[in-house]
């Protein structure tokens, strides 16, 4: 990668003054990143977010395959959900492309041993969805290292996987809380994140790559919390069991969980920058993942290739680096070297944690976004100097783009919720 001085690579040619970031006391450059809060916010609001919303609404990017019946290998508990929205609307008939993927349901819908909530199952997929979906040998190619031990669960998930239309299963409040939800987040922050030790010089003992990894997971938590706060059940329907009557923003939840915590907001910016940089870097591979054989997917290809991708490529010229992945290896112990196996171990553990989520809707979005994060890290770790070609499976392409859209929307929601709190 050609080196640029900090002023050249971090400067974006934008004119409009900042609005939101300063209101939550965020100024200057985003930590671990190569862009200011102002620049990042404007790029997202003016370019990235509007185009991403169009892309993820198209058929190719709207479908994801997941095993909702996977067993939790880490602990046993009784999850509590308040709403039917904990459930997922599945495809009542697997489309043709499902047979080409590693997660293939043996029967329509979940098997008899999988207890889902009593949710109304809706036919969600047009049978034109796809006839070919390049399958991969695992969730992520960098997890298929010979040194990694395959677990039995990795081979058992194929029997109960379902195809889901993400448009009919929005990420929002489900009422999933209590000990089960607390265990999930505690496992992520206390066990999966790198823990800081007391450095001999009194400074921070974490390396740059470890800090970035922790910030991404914190940003994921902030994003999920903002999506919940943005679409919250304000009033239950007294005439229907476990159904919401009134949906709307919950400013109190947004303030308590994210907006009143400067570090959580900043980590959301970091996560957004990392995902955006990964999508920029692997844009051609995402294009290649979209099938061209079926005209049904022409809209998906057009929105991605003709609209969003050119804008992302133009941003490389106007704002060279949102996030500089070379910083991950500056100390010689970055993710691209000795810590690669440790990243693999932690990501596999993160996948195990997602299997323990006791809410189907939450498990869907948690699994998709952790796959998106893992894909982003794999992309950023690819060595430019060795001309390493990054290829993405359909699952990876969908997860990567959707995770960027989730973080992008969360930044927009943060602005809206903060404005609402000031009005009140």
Protein backbone atom coordinates (compact mmCIF):
# COMPACT_ATOMS: atom_id res chain seq x y z
CA UNK A 1 0.00 0.00 0.00
CA UNK A 2 1.40 3.39 -0.92
CA UNK A 3 2.19 5.44 2.15
CA UNK A 4 0.62 8.87 2.56
CA UNK A 5 1.39 11.44 5.18
CA UNK A 6 -1.27 11.87 7.85
CA UNK A 7 -2.62 15.14 6.49
CA UNK A 8 -3.03 13.74 2.97
CA UNK A 9 -4.56 10.39 3.86
CA UNK A 10 -6.83 11.68 6.64
CA UNK A 11 -8.28 14.72 4.91
CA UNK A 12 -11.70 14.61 3.32
CA UNK A 13 -12.97 17.25 0.94
CA UNK A 14 -16.24 18.13 2.65
CA UNK A 15 -17.77 21.50 3.36
CA UNK A 16 -20.88 21.18 5.56
CA UNK A 17 -20.25 21.89 9.28
CA UNK A 18 -20.70 19.17 11.87
CA UNK A 19 -23.96 18.68 13.73
CA UNK A 20 -24.31 15.60 15.90
CA UNK A 21 -20.86 14.44 17.10
CA UNK A 22 -20.07 17.70 18.87
CA UNK A 23 -23.34 17.52 20.79
CA UNK A 24 -22.10 14.34 22.49
CA UNK A 25 -18.64 15.84 23.04
CA UNK A 26 -16.87 13.94 20.27
CA UNK A 27 -14.25 16.06 18.50
CA UNK A 28 -11.24 15.61 16.25
CA UNK A 29 -10.08 12.26 14.88
CA UNK A 30 -11.85 9.04 15.77
CA UNK A 31 -9.57 6.82 17.87
CA UNK A 32 -7.80 4.09 15.88
CA UNK A 33 -9.12 5.69 12.68
CA UNK A 34 -7.97 8.13 10.05
CA UNK A 35 -10.94 10.46 9.81
CA UNK A 36 -12.67 12.98 12.05
CA UNK A 37 -16.09 12.49 13.57
CA UNK A 38 -17.37 15.34 11.39
CA UNK A 39 -16.13 13.78 8.17
CA UNK A 40 -17.38 10.32 9.05
CA UNK A 41 -20.82 11.59 9.99
CA UNK A 42 -21.24 13.61 6.80
CA UNK A 43 -20.03 10.80 4.54
CA UNK A 44 -22.49 8.43 6.13
CA UNK A 45 -25.47 10.79 6.04
CA UNK A 46 -24.91 12.10 2.51
CA UNK A 47 -23.55 9.07 0.65
CA UNK A 48 -23.28 5.74 2.43
CA UNK A 49 -26.55 5.41 4.33
CA UNK A 50 -29.04 6.37 1.56
CA UNK A 51 -27.39 4.03 -0.96
CA UNK A 52 -26.95 1.17 1.51
CA UNK A 53 -30.66 1.23 2.37
CA UNK A 54 -31.45 0.71 -1.31
CA UNK A 55 -28.92 -2.09 -1.71
CA UNK A 56 -30.03 -4.20 1.27
CA UNK A 57 -33.66 -3.96 0.13
CA UNK A 58 -32.90 -5.92 -3.06
CA UNK A 59 -33.42 -9.71 -3.30
CA UNK A 60 -29.80 -10.88 -3.25
CA UNK A 61 -28.79 -8.89 -0.20
CA UNK A 62 -32.10 -9.44 1.61
CA UNK A 63 -31.75 -13.19 2.14
CA UNK A 64 -29.62 -15.02 4.68
CA UNK A 65 -29.36 -18.65 5.72
CA UNK A 66 -29.07 -19.56 9.39
CA UNK A 67 -29.44 -22.46 11.77
CA UNK A 68 -31.85 -21.22 14.43
CA UNK A 69 -31.92 -24.61 16.14
CA UNK A 70 -28.26 -24.77 17.11
CA UNK A 71 -27.59 -25.89 20.67
CA UNK A 72 -25.79 -23.72 23.19
CA UNK A 73 -22.50 -25.37 24.11
CA UNK A 74 -21.51 -22.81 26.74
CA UNK A 75 -24.35 -22.79 29.27
CA UNK A 76 -27.96 -23.75 29.97
CA UNK A 77 -30.70 -21.30 30.85
CA UNK A 78 -34.32 -20.38 30.17
CA UNK A 79 -34.53 -17.34 27.86
CA UNK A 80 -37.40 -14.90 28.25
CA UNK A 81 -38.99 -12.99 25.38
CA UNK A 82 -41.95 -10.66 25.77
CA UNK A 83 -43.07 -10.35 22.14
CA UNK A 84 -43.83 -12.60 19.23
CA UNK A 85 -41.17 -10.57 17.46
CA UNK A 86 -38.59 -12.84 19.07
CA UNK A 87 -39.61 -15.28 16.35
CA UNK A 88 -38.39 -15.29 12.77
CA UNK A 89 -40.50 -15.46 9.62
CA UNK A 90 -38.92 -18.29 7.67
CA UNK A 91 -39.26 -19.37 4.07
CA UNK A 92 -41.98 -22.01 4.03
CA UNK A 93 -40.35 -23.67 1.01
CA UNK A 94 -36.57 -23.66 0.53
CA UNK A 95 -35.66 -21.96 -2.76
CA UNK A 96 -33.55 -23.73 -5.36
CA UNK A 97 -30.30 -22.06 -4.37
CA UNK A 98 -30.46 -23.44 -0.82
CA UNK A 99 -29.20 -26.83 -1.94
CA UNK A 100 -25.90 -25.22 -2.94
CA UNK A 101 -25.16 -23.86 0.53
CA UNK A 102 -23.59 -25.59 3.51
CA UNK A 103 -26.65 -24.79 5.63
CA UNK A 104 -29.47 -26.71 3.94
CA UNK A 105 -32.73 -27.61 5.70
CA UNK A 106 -33.69 -31.27 5.28
CA UNK A 107 -37.39 -30.41 5.57
CA UNK A 108 -39.48 -27.30 5.22
CA UNK A 109 -39.10 -25.16 8.30
CA UNK A 110 -37.54 -26.25 11.60
CA UNK A 111 -37.44 -29.88 12.65
CA UNK A 112 -39.68 -31.32 15.33
CA UNK A 113 -36.96 -31.07 17.95
CA UNK A 114 -36.50 -27.33 17.56
CA UNK A 115 -38.82 -25.30 19.75
CA UNK A 116 -39.53 -21.93 18.19
CA UNK A 117 -41.89 -19.34 19.56
CA UNK A 118 -45.46 -19.58 18.32
CA UNK A 119 -44.80 -17.13 15.53
CA UNK A 120 -46.79 -16.74 12.33
CA UNK A 121 -44.60 -18.28 9.62
CA UNK A 122 -44.80 -16.18 6.47
CA UNK A 123 -43.81 -17.17 2.94
CA UNK A 124 -40.95 -14.78 2.38
CA UNK A 125 -38.94 -15.88 -0.63
CA UNK A 126 -39.79 -15.74 -4.29
CA UNK A 127 -38.68 -19.02 -5.87
CA UNK A 128 -36.65 -17.00 -8.37
CA UNK A 129 -34.31 -16.01 -5.56
CA UNK A 130 -31.35 -18.03 -6.82
CA UNK A 131 -30.40 -21.33 -8.36
CA UNK A 132 -26.72 -21.19 -7.55
CA UNK A 133 -25.04 -19.94 -4.42
CA UNK A 134 -21.31 -20.66 -4.22
CA UNK A 135 -20.81 -22.67 -1.08
CA UNK A 136 -17.80 -22.43 1.18
CA UNK A 137 -16.38 -25.10 3.43
CA UNK A 138 -17.05 -23.00 6.48
CA UNK A 139 -18.35 -19.69 7.70
CA UNK A 140 -15.05 -17.97 7.07
CA UNK A 141 -12.11 -19.21 5.08
CA UNK A 142 -9.60 -17.92 7.62
CA UNK A 143 -11.30 -20.14 10.20
CA UNK A 144 -10.60 -23.25 8.12
CA UNK A 145 -6.96 -23.36 9.13
CA UNK A 146 -5.59 -26.88 9.61
CA UNK A 147 -4.53 -25.95 13.10
CA UNK A 148 -8.11 -25.30 14.15
CA UNK A 149 -10.04 -28.24 15.56
CA UNK A 150 -13.43 -28.75 13.97
CA UNK A 151 -16.22 -29.18 16.49
CA UNK A 152 -19.06 -31.63 16.09
CA UNK A 153 -21.59 -28.79 16.02
CA UNK A 154 -19.99 -27.36 12.87
CA UNK A 155 -21.13 -30.43 10.96
CA UNK A 156 -24.52 -30.82 12.63
CA UNK A 157 -25.99 -27.44 11.77
CA UNK A 158 -26.95 -28.34 8.21
CA UNK A 159 -30.07 -30.29 9.21
CA UNK A 160 -32.01 -27.38 10.68
CA UNK A 161 -30.97 -24.32 8.69
CA UNK A 162 -33.64 -22.01 7.28
CA UNK A 163 -33.70 -19.23 4.72
CA UNK A 164 -34.81 -15.86 6.06
CA UNK A 165 -35.95 -12.68 4.34
CA UNK A 166 -34.31 -9.96 6.39
CA UNK A 167 -36.80 -7.36 5.17
CA UNK A 168 -39.59 -9.15 7.03
CA UNK A 169 -37.55 -9.65 10.18
CA UNK A 170 -36.27 -6.18 11.13
CA UNK A 171 -33.81 -5.70 13.95
CA UNK A 172 -35.79 -4.07 16.75
CA UNK A 173 -37.06 -4.51 20.30
CA UNK A 174 -38.19 -8.07 21.05
CA UNK A 175 -38.43 -8.06 24.83
CA UNK A 176 -35.50 -10.46 25.10
CA UNK A 177 -33.92 -9.71 28.47
CA UNK A 178 -33.10 -11.16 31.84
CA UNK A 179 -30.29 -13.58 32.76
CA UNK A 180 -30.07 -15.11 29.27
CA UNK A 181 -29.39 -11.80 27.53
CA UNK A 182 -27.03 -10.73 30.32
CA UNK A 183 -25.01 -13.93 29.93
CA UNK A 184 -24.57 -13.27 26.22
CA UNK A 185 -23.25 -9.74 26.64
CA UNK A 186 -21.14 -10.66 29.69
CA UNK A 187 -19.53 -13.47 27.70
CA UNK A 188 -18.74 -11.08 24.84
CA UNK A 189 -17.26 -8.31 26.97
CA UNK A 190 -15.64 -10.39 29.75
CA UNK A 191 -14.49 -13.49 27.87
CA UNK A 192 -14.30 -12.72 24.16
CA UNK A 193 -12.82 -9.23 24.32
CA UNK A 194 -9.14 -8.83 25.12
CA UNK A 195 -8.65 -7.94 28.78
CA UNK A 196 -6.19 -5.23 29.73
CA UNK A 197 -3.38 -6.11 32.12
CA UNK A 198 -1.34 -3.70 34.17
CA UNK A 199 1.55 -2.54 32.02
CA UNK A 200 4.94 -2.08 33.68
CA UNK A 201 5.12 1.54 32.52
CA UNK A 202 1.60 2.29 33.71
CA UNK A 203 0.24 2.54 30.17
CA UNK A 204 -2.19 0.42 28.17
CA UNK A 205 -1.11 -3.21 27.77
CA UNK A 206 -3.31 -3.89 24.73
CA UNK A 207 -1.84 -3.79 21.24
CA UNK A 208 -3.49 -1.76 18.49
CA UNK A 209 -5.16 -4.81 16.96
CA UNK A 210 -6.55 -5.88 20.35
CA UNK A 211 -7.96 -2.42 20.97
CA UNK A 212 -9.60 -2.37 17.55
CA UNK A 213 -11.16 -5.80 18.10
CA UNK A 214 -12.62 -4.68 21.44
CA UNK A 215 -13.88 -1.44 19.95
CA UNK A 216 -15.65 -3.28 17.12
CA UNK A 217 -17.52 -5.50 19.56
CA UNK A 218 -18.40 -2.50 21.71
CA UNK A 219 -19.60 -0.73 18.57
CA UNK A 220 -21.72 -3.77 17.73
CA UNK A 221 -23.34 -3.54 21.17
CA UNK A 222 -24.00 0.17 20.69
CA UNK A 223 -25.51 -0.43 17.26
CA UNK A 224 -27.86 -3.15 18.50
CA UNK A 225 -28.94 -0.96 21.43
CA UNK A 226 -29.71 1.96 19.10
CA UNK A 227 -31.74 -0.24 16.76
CA UNK A 228 -33.75 -1.44 19.76
CA UNK A 229 -34.26 2.12 21.01
CA UNK A 230 -35.24 3.36 17.55
CA UNK A 231 -37.97 0.75 17.13
CA UNK A 232 -39.29 0.06 20.62
CA UNK A 233 -42.60 -1.32 21.83
CA UNK A 234 -44.17 1.64 23.59
CA UNK A 235 -47.50 -0.08 24.29
CA UNK A 236 -48.52 -3.73 24.37
CA UNK A 237 -51.79 -4.76 22.71
CA UNK A 238 -54.21 -5.60 25.56
CA UNK A 239 -56.34 -7.71 23.24
CA UNK A 240 -53.57 -9.89 21.79
CA UNK A 241 -51.01 -12.08 23.50
CA UNK A 242 -47.38 -11.01 23.15
CA UNK A 243 -48.06 -8.44 20.42
CA UNK A 244 -47.13 -4.79 20.37
CA UNK A 245 -49.74 -2.13 19.71
CA UNK A 246 -47.56 0.97 19.38
CA UNK A 247 -44.01 1.14 18.04
CA UNK A 248 -41.76 4.17 18.28
CA UNK A 249 -38.46 5.58 19.55
CA UNK A 250 -37.47 5.17 23.18
CA UNK A 251 -35.13 8.04 23.96
CA UNK A 252 -34.56 6.93 27.54
CA UNK A 253 -33.16 3.58 26.39
CA UNK A 254 -30.94 5.31 23.83
CA UNK A 255 -29.54 7.71 26.41
CA UNK A 256 -28.99 5.12 29.13
CA UNK A 257 -27.41 2.50 26.90
CA UNK A 258 -25.43 4.57 24.39
CA UNK A 259 -25.80 8.33 24.03
CA UNK A 260 -24.75 9.17 27.59
CA UNK A 261 -21.60 7.10 27.20
CA UNK A 262 -18.97 8.84 25.11
CA UNK A 263 -16.83 5.72 24.68
CA UNK A 264 -19.75 3.65 23.38
CA UNK A 265 -20.60 6.25 20.76
CA UNK A 266 -16.97 6.56 19.70
CA UNK A 267 -16.67 2.79 19.35
CA UNK A 268 -19.68 2.80 17.03
CA UNK A 269 -17.79 5.22 14.77
CA UNK A 270 -14.76 2.91 14.89
CA UNK A 271 -16.84 -0.14 13.96
CA UNK A 272 -18.45 1.78 11.10
CA UNK A 273 -15.05 2.89 9.79
CA UNK A 274 -13.64 -0.65 9.88
CA UNK A 275 -16.63 -2.12 8.04
CA UNK A 276 -16.66 0.70 5.48
CA UNK A 277 -12.97 0.24 4.74
CA UNK A 278 -13.47 -3.52 4.30
CA UNK A 279 -16.38 -3.04 1.89
CA UNK A 280 -14.35 -0.50 -0.10
CA UNK A 281 -11.42 -2.89 -0.30
CA UNK A 282 -13.43 -5.91 -1.44
CA UNK A 283 -16.03 -4.25 -3.65
CA UNK A 284 -15.15 -6.36 -6.70
CA UNK A 285 -15.50 -9.59 -4.71
CA UNK A 286 -18.97 -8.53 -3.56
CA UNK A 287 -19.90 -7.84 -7.18
CA UNK A 288 -18.70 -11.32 -8.13
CA UNK A 289 -20.87 -12.88 -5.42
CA UNK A 290 -24.07 -11.52 -6.99
CA UNK A 291 -25.37 -14.03 -9.56
CA UNK A 292 -25.82 -12.86 -13.13
CA UNK A 293 -27.67 -15.90 -14.52
CA UNK A 294 -31.10 -14.83 -13.28
CA UNK A 295 -32.64 -11.50 -14.29
CA UNK A 296 -34.46 -11.55 -10.96
CA UNK A 297 -31.23 -10.30 -9.40
CA UNK A 298 -30.59 -7.54 -11.93
CA UNK A 299 -31.83 -4.94 -9.43
CA UNK A 300 -29.41 -6.16 -6.77
CA UNK A 301 -26.47 -5.99 -9.15
CA UNK A 302 -27.49 -2.58 -10.48
CA UNK A 303 -27.94 -0.97 -7.05
CA UNK A 304 -24.60 -2.34 -5.88
CA UNK A 305 -22.41 -2.10 -8.98
CA UNK A 306 -23.82 1.03 -10.64
CA UNK A 307 -24.77 3.14 -7.62
CA UNK A 308 -23.08 2.30 -4.31
CA UNK A 309 -19.76 0.83 -5.49
CA UNK A 310 -18.76 3.84 -7.64
CA UNK A 311 -19.45 6.15 -4.70
CA UNK A 312 -17.31 4.00 -2.42
CA UNK A 313 -14.51 4.05 -4.98
CA UNK A 314 -14.79 7.83 -5.33
CA UNK A 315 -14.49 8.15 -1.56
CA UNK A 316 -11.07 6.52 -1.73
CA UNK A 317 -9.96 9.57 -3.71
CA UNK A 318 -11.72 12.26 -1.67
CA UNK A 319 -11.25 10.67 1.75
CA UNK A 320 -8.43 8.13 1.28
CA UNK A 321 -8.64 6.08 4.46
CA UNK A 322 -11.49 5.91 6.94
CA UNK A 323 -9.48 3.21 8.67
CA UNK A 324 -5.87 2.31 7.97
CA UNK A 325 -5.55 -1.46 8.31
CA UNK A 326 -1.76 -1.28 8.23
CA UNK A 327 -1.93 0.11 11.77
CA UNK A 328 -2.95 -3.35 12.95
CA UNK A 329 0.57 -4.64 12.43
CA UNK A 330 2.76 -1.64 13.26
CA UNK A 331 4.15 -3.27 16.40
CA UNK A 332 5.02 -6.53 14.69
CA UNK A 333 2.37 -8.41 16.65
CA UNK A 334 -0.68 -7.40 14.68
CA UNK A 335 -3.52 -9.58 13.56
CA UNK A 336 -1.68 -10.44 10.38
CA UNK A 337 1.15 -12.19 12.23
CA UNK A 338 1.36 -14.08 15.54
CA UNK A 339 -2.14 -13.19 16.69
CA UNK A 340 -3.92 -14.69 13.71
CA UNK A 341 -4.65 -17.95 15.53
CA UNK A 342 -5.84 -16.01 18.56
CA UNK A 343 -8.27 -14.12 16.35
CA UNK A 344 -9.52 -17.41 14.95
CA UNK A 345 -10.06 -18.78 18.44
CA UNK A 346 -11.92 -15.70 19.63
CA UNK A 347 -14.10 -15.53 16.55
CA UNK A 348 -15.07 -19.18 16.90
CA UNK A 349 -15.93 -18.47 20.54
CA UNK A 350 -18.01 -15.50 19.39
CA UNK A 351 -19.95 -17.80 17.08
CA UNK A 352 -20.58 -20.15 20.00
CA UNK A 353 -21.93 -17.25 22.04
CA UNK A 354 -24.35 -16.37 19.24
CA UNK A 355 -25.67 -19.95 19.34
CA UNK A 356 -26.64 -19.31 22.97
CA UNK A 357 -28.89 -16.33 22.19
CA UNK A 358 -32.36 -17.33 23.34
CA UNK A 359 -34.33 -15.17 20.91
CA UNK A 360 -34.55 -16.26 17.27
CA UNK A 361 -34.74 -12.70 15.91
CA UNK A 362 -31.79 -11.67 18.06
CA UNK A 363 -29.82 -14.77 17.08
CA UNK A 364 -30.46 -14.00 13.40
CA UNK A 365 -29.07 -10.48 13.55
CA UNK A 366 -26.31 -11.36 16.00
CA UNK A 367 -25.10 -14.22 13.81
CA UNK A 368 -25.26 -12.14 10.64
CA UNK A 369 -23.36 -9.23 12.16
CA UNK A 370 -20.66 -11.33 13.78
CA UNK A 371 -20.13 -13.01 10.41
CA UNK A 372 -19.96 -9.55 8.85
CA UNK A 373 -17.35 -8.45 11.37
CA UNK A 374 -15.31 -11.61 10.85
CA UNK A 375 -15.46 -11.15 7.09
CA UNK A 376 -14.31 -7.54 7.44
CA UNK A 377 -11.31 -8.60 9.51
CA UNK A 378 -10.41 -11.28 6.98
CA UNK A 379 -10.57 -8.72 4.18
CA UNK A 380 -8.41 -6.21 6.03
CA UNK A 381 -5.85 -8.86 6.93
CA UNK A 382 -5.31 -9.89 3.31
CA UNK A 383 -1.78 -8.96 2.31
CA UNK A 384 -1.73 -6.42 -0.53
CA UNK A 385 1.97 -7.07 -1.06
CA UNK A 386 1.39 -10.75 -1.84
CA UNK A 387 -1.49 -10.03 -4.25
CA UNK A 388 -3.74 -12.22 -2.12
CA UNK A 389 -7.11 -12.51 -3.86
CA UNK A 390 -10.08 -12.27 -1.51
CA UNK A 391 -13.15 -14.20 -2.55
CA UNK A 392 -16.45 -14.07 -0.69
CA UNK A 393 -19.21 -16.62 -0.40
CA UNK A 394 -22.77 -15.38 -0.70
CA UNK A 395 -23.18 -15.59 3.08
CA UNK A 396 -20.08 -13.46 3.61
CA UNK A 397 -21.05 -10.85 1.01
CA UNK A 398 -24.56 -10.47 2.42
CA UNK A 399 -23.32 -10.35 6.01
CA UNK A 400 -20.57 -7.82 5.26
CA UNK A 401 -22.85 -5.38 3.43
CA UNK A 402 -25.69 -5.77 5.92
CA UNK A 403 -23.41 -5.24 8.92
CA UNK A 404 -22.12 -2.02 7.40
CA UNK A 405 -25.73 -0.97 6.84
CA UNK A 406 -26.59 -1.77 10.47
CA UNK A 407 -23.75 0.42 11.76
CA UNK A 408 -24.58 3.12 9.24
CA UNK A 409 -28.23 3.17 10.31
CA UNK A 410 -27.21 3.21 13.97
CA UNK A 411 -25.25 6.43 13.41
CA UNK A 412 -28.31 7.99 11.79
CA UNK A 413 -30.56 6.77 14.60
CA UNK A 414 -28.18 8.21 17.19
CA UNK A 415 -28.55 11.62 15.57
CA UNK A 416 -32.34 11.34 15.46
CA UNK A 417 -32.68 10.08 19.03
CA UNK A 418 -30.33 12.76 20.37
CA UNK A 419 -32.37 15.44 18.60
CA UNK A 420 -35.58 14.02 20.06
CA UNK A 421 -34.10 14.07 23.56
CA UNK A 422 -33.21 17.75 23.19
CA UNK A 423 -36.71 18.58 22.00
CA UNK A 424 -38.17 16.94 25.09
